[in-house]
C-alpha atoms as a PDB file:
ATOM      1  CA  LYS A   1      -0.718  -7.585   9.790  1.00  0.00           C
ATOM      2  CA  GLU A   2      -4.135  -9.175   9.916  1.00  0.00           C
ATOM      3  CA  GLU A   3      -7.071  -8.202  12.076  1.00  0.00           C
ATOM      4  CA  LYS A   4     -10.695  -9.346  12.021  1.00  0.00           C
ATOM      5  CA  GLU A   5     -11.737  -7.494   8.871  1.00  0.00           C
ATOM      6  CA  THR A   6      -8.575  -5.562   7.989  1.00  0.00           C
ATOM      7  CA  LEU A   7      -5.421  -6.497   6.106  1.00  0.00           C
ATOM      8  CA  THR A   8      -2.467  -4.137   6.570  1.00  0.00           C
ATOM      9  CA  ILE A   9       0.062  -4.652   3.772  1.00  0.00           C
ATOM     10  CA  THR A  10       2.855  -2.806   5.561  1.00  0.00           C
ATOM     11  CA  PRO A  11       2.282  -1.446   9.054  1.00  0.00           C
ATOM     12  CA  PHE A  12       5.370   0.774   8.694  1.00  0.00           C
ATOM     13  CA  ILE A  13       7.924   1.612   5.993  1.00  0.00           C
ATOM     14  CA  PRO A  14      11.284   2.950   7.282  1.00  0.00           C
ATOM     15  CA  GLU A  15      12.059   6.576   6.488  1.00  0.00           C
ATOM     16  CA  THR A  16      15.458   5.628   5.029  1.00  0.00           C
ATOM     17  CA  TRP A  17      13.668   3.631   2.317  1.00  0.00           C
ATOM     18  CA  LEU A  18      11.283   6.498   1.606  1.00  0.00           C
ATOM     19  CA  ASN A  19      14.273   8.748   0.885  1.00  0.00           C
ATOM     20  CA  ALA A  20      15.862   6.351  -1.630  1.00  0.00           C
ATOM     21  CA  GLU A  21      14.591   6.817  -5.197  1.00  0.00           C
ATOM     22  CA  GLY A  22      14.408   3.550  -7.144  1.00  0.00           C
ATOM     23  CA  GLN A  23      14.084   1.294  -4.088  1.00  0.00           C
ATOM     24  CA  THR A  24      11.540  -1.525  -4.249  1.00  0.00           C
ATOM     25  CA  ILE A  25       9.792  -3.646  -1.638  1.00  0.00           C
ATOM     26  CA  SER A  26       7.877  -6.656  -2.927  1.00  0.00           C
ATOM     27  CA  ALA A  27       6.270  -9.931  -1.904  1.00  0.00           C
ATOM     28  CA  GLN A  28       4.866 -12.699  -4.105  1.00  0.00           C
ATOM     29  CA  ASP A  29       1.883 -14.868  -3.095  1.00  0.00           C
ATOM     30  CA  PHE A  30       2.218 -13.904   0.541  1.00  0.00           C
ATOM     31  CA  PRO A  31      -0.287 -15.992   2.555  1.00  0.00           C
ATOM     32  CA  THR A  32      -2.766 -14.170   4.818  1.00  0.00           C
ATOM     33  CA  ILE A  33      -6.006 -15.181   6.546  1.00  0.00           C
ATOM     34  CA  PHE A  34      -7.779 -13.541   3.589  1.00  0.00           C
ATOM     35  CA  GLY A  35      -5.869 -15.402   0.855  1.00  0.00           C
ATOM     36  CA  LEU A  36      -2.732 -14.659  -1.174  1.00  0.00           C
ATOM     37  CA  ILE A  37      -1.417 -11.178  -1.853  1.00  0.00           C
ATOM     38  CA  SER A  38       1.402 -10.041  -4.121  1.00  0.00           C
ATOM     39  CA  PHE A  39       2.573  -6.450  -4.064  1.00  0.00           C
ATOM     40  CA  GLU A  40       5.344  -4.138  -5.169  1.00  0.00           C
ATOM     41  CA  LEU A  41       6.119  -0.731  -3.702  1.00  0.00           C
ATOM     42  CA  LYS A  42       8.470   1.384  -5.802  1.00  0.00           C
ATOM     43  CA  MET A  43       9.877   4.717  -4.696  1.00  0.00           C
ATOM     44  CA  LEU A  44       9.893   7.273  -7.503  1.00  0.00           C
ATOM     45  CA  ALA A  45      11.243  10.807  -7.741  1.00  0.00           C
ATOM     46  CA  HIS A  46       9.486  13.722  -6.049  1.00  0.00           C
ATOM     47  CA  HIS A  47       8.313  11.661  -3.039  1.00  0.00           C
ATOM     48  CA  LYS A  48       5.950   9.470  -5.039  1.00  0.00           C
ATOM     49  CA  ILE A  49       5.441   5.764  -4.386  1.00  0.00           C
ATOM     50  CA  VAL A  50       3.676   3.333  -6.703  1.00  0.00           C
ATOM     51  CA  LEU A  51       1.891   0.373  -5.129  1.00  0.00           C
ATOM     52  CA  THR A  52       0.985  -2.459  -7.504  1.00  0.00           C
ATOM     53  CA  LEU A  53      -1.250  -5.210  -6.089  1.00  0.00           C
ATOM     54  CA  ASN A  54      -2.374  -8.651  -7.187  1.00  0.00           C
ATOM     55  CA  THR A  55      -4.738 -10.391  -4.780  1.00  0.00           C
ATOM     56  CA  LYS A  56      -6.228 -13.870  -4.692  1.00  0.00           C
ATOM     57  CA  TYR A  57      -8.702 -13.522  -1.855  1.00  0.00           C
ATOM     58  CA  ASP A  58     -10.492 -16.502  -0.349  1.00  0.00           C
ATOM     59  CA  ASN A  59     -12.246 -14.124   2.032  1.00  0.00           C
ATOM     60  CA  VAL A  60     -12.230 -10.444   0.991  1.00  0.00           C
ATOM     61  CA  PRO A  61     -11.195  -8.080   3.816  1.00  0.00           C
ATOM     62  CA  LYS A  62     -13.404  -5.081   4.521  1.00  0.00           C
ATOM     63  CA  LYS A  63     -10.361  -2.779   4.703  1.00  0.00           C
ATOM     64  CA  LEU A  64      -6.898  -2.772   3.135  1.00  0.00           C
ATOM     65  CA  LYS A  65      -4.299  -0.489   4.731  1.00  0.00           C
ATOM     66  CA  ILE A  66      -0.697   0.525   4.195  1.00  0.00           C
ATOM     67  CA  GLY A  67       1.452   2.382   6.721  1.00  0.00           C
ATOM     68  CA  PHE A  68       4.327   4.794   6.166  1.00  0.00           C
ATOM     69  CA  SER A  69       6.799   6.577   8.443  1.00  0.00           C
ATOM     70  CA  LYS A  70       5.956   9.888   6.756  1.00  0.00           C
ATOM     71  CA  THR A  71       2.598  11.532   6.168  1.00  0.00           C
ATOM     72  CA  VAL A  72       0.885  10.585   2.932  1.00  0.00           C
ATOM     73  CA  LYS A  73      -0.531  13.777   1.438  1.00  0.00           C
ATOM     74  CA  THR A  74      -2.567  12.250  -1.390  1.00  0.00           C
ATOM     75  CA  MET A  75      -3.221   9.007  -3.237  1.00  0.00           C
ATOM     76  CA  GLU A  76      -4.258   8.561  -6.850  1.00  0.00           C
ATOM     77  CA  LEU A  77      -6.825   5.828  -7.520  1.00  0.00           C
ATOM     78  CA  LEU A  78      -8.119   5.242 -11.043  1.00  0.00           C
ATOM     79  CA  GLU A  79      -7.178   8.789 -12.120  1.00  0.00           C
ATOM     80  CA  LYS A  80      -8.892  10.275  -9.046  1.00  0.00           C
ATOM     81  CA  THR A  81      -6.879  12.030  -6.318  1.00  0.00           C
ATOM     82  CA  GLU A  82      -7.900  11.644  -2.682  1.00  0.00           C
ATOM     83  CA  HIS A  83      -6.430  13.506   0.292  1.00  0.00           C
ATOM     84  CA  VAL A  84      -4.998  11.296   3.055  1.00  0.00           C
ATOM     85  CA  ASN A  85      -2.928  13.514   5.409  1.00  0.00           C
ATOM     86  CA  ASP A  86      -2.010  10.566   7.638  1.00  0.00           C
ATOM     87  CA  THR A  87       0.743   7.962   7.964  1.00  0.00           C
ATOM     88  CA  ILE A  88      -1.782   5.187   7.261  1.00  0.00           C
ATOM     89  CA  ALA A  89      -3.766   5.037   4.021  1.00  0.00           C
ATOM     90  CA  THR A  90      -6.891   2.919   3.556  1.00  0.00           C
ATOM     91  CA  ILE A  91      -7.264   1.743  -0.030  1.00  0.00           C
ATOM     92  CA  PRO A  92     -10.018  -0.163  -1.864  1.00  0.00           C
ATOM     93  CA  VAL A  93      -9.627  -3.936  -1.411  1.00  0.00           C
ATOM     94  CA  ASN A  94      -9.744  -4.699  -5.148  1.00  0.00           C
ATOM     95  CA  ILE A  95      -7.539  -1.892  -6.469  1.00  0.00           C
ATOM     96  CA  LYS A  96      -4.594  -2.883  -8.687  1.00  0.00           C
ATOM     97  CA  GLN A  97      -2.469   0.274  -8.494  1.00  0.00           C
ATOM     98  CA  VAL A  98      -2.188   3.321  -6.246  1.00  0.00           C
ATOM     99  CA  ILE A  99       0.217   6.256  -6.444  1.00  0.00           C
ATOM    100  CA  PHE A 100       1.008   7.893  -3.106  1.00  0.00           C
ATOM    101  CA  SER A 101       2.481  11.376  -2.684  1.00  0.00           C
ATOM    102  CA  LEU A 102       4.368  12.093   0.521  1.00  0.00           C
END
């Protein structure tokens, strides 16, 4: 989903997927108004999800968001944990990997 200055990778991830360890959602060189984005979401044990990103921005968005059907408690960015406590997480536009805890 694209808005003026925001790119939302996934506006919503179904709860059935969030309950299935080992499941993966991915897209390669997906075209957006900001450029190409590749991502992989992998569900791990203990309600953790790893997001791996590769972006080729032509125009860098001001915000990058990802939506879930469950509340994200925390996200780990570059060995730093941030509290989210929402179903939508805003992540840095140039991050390569984020670990979410539901």
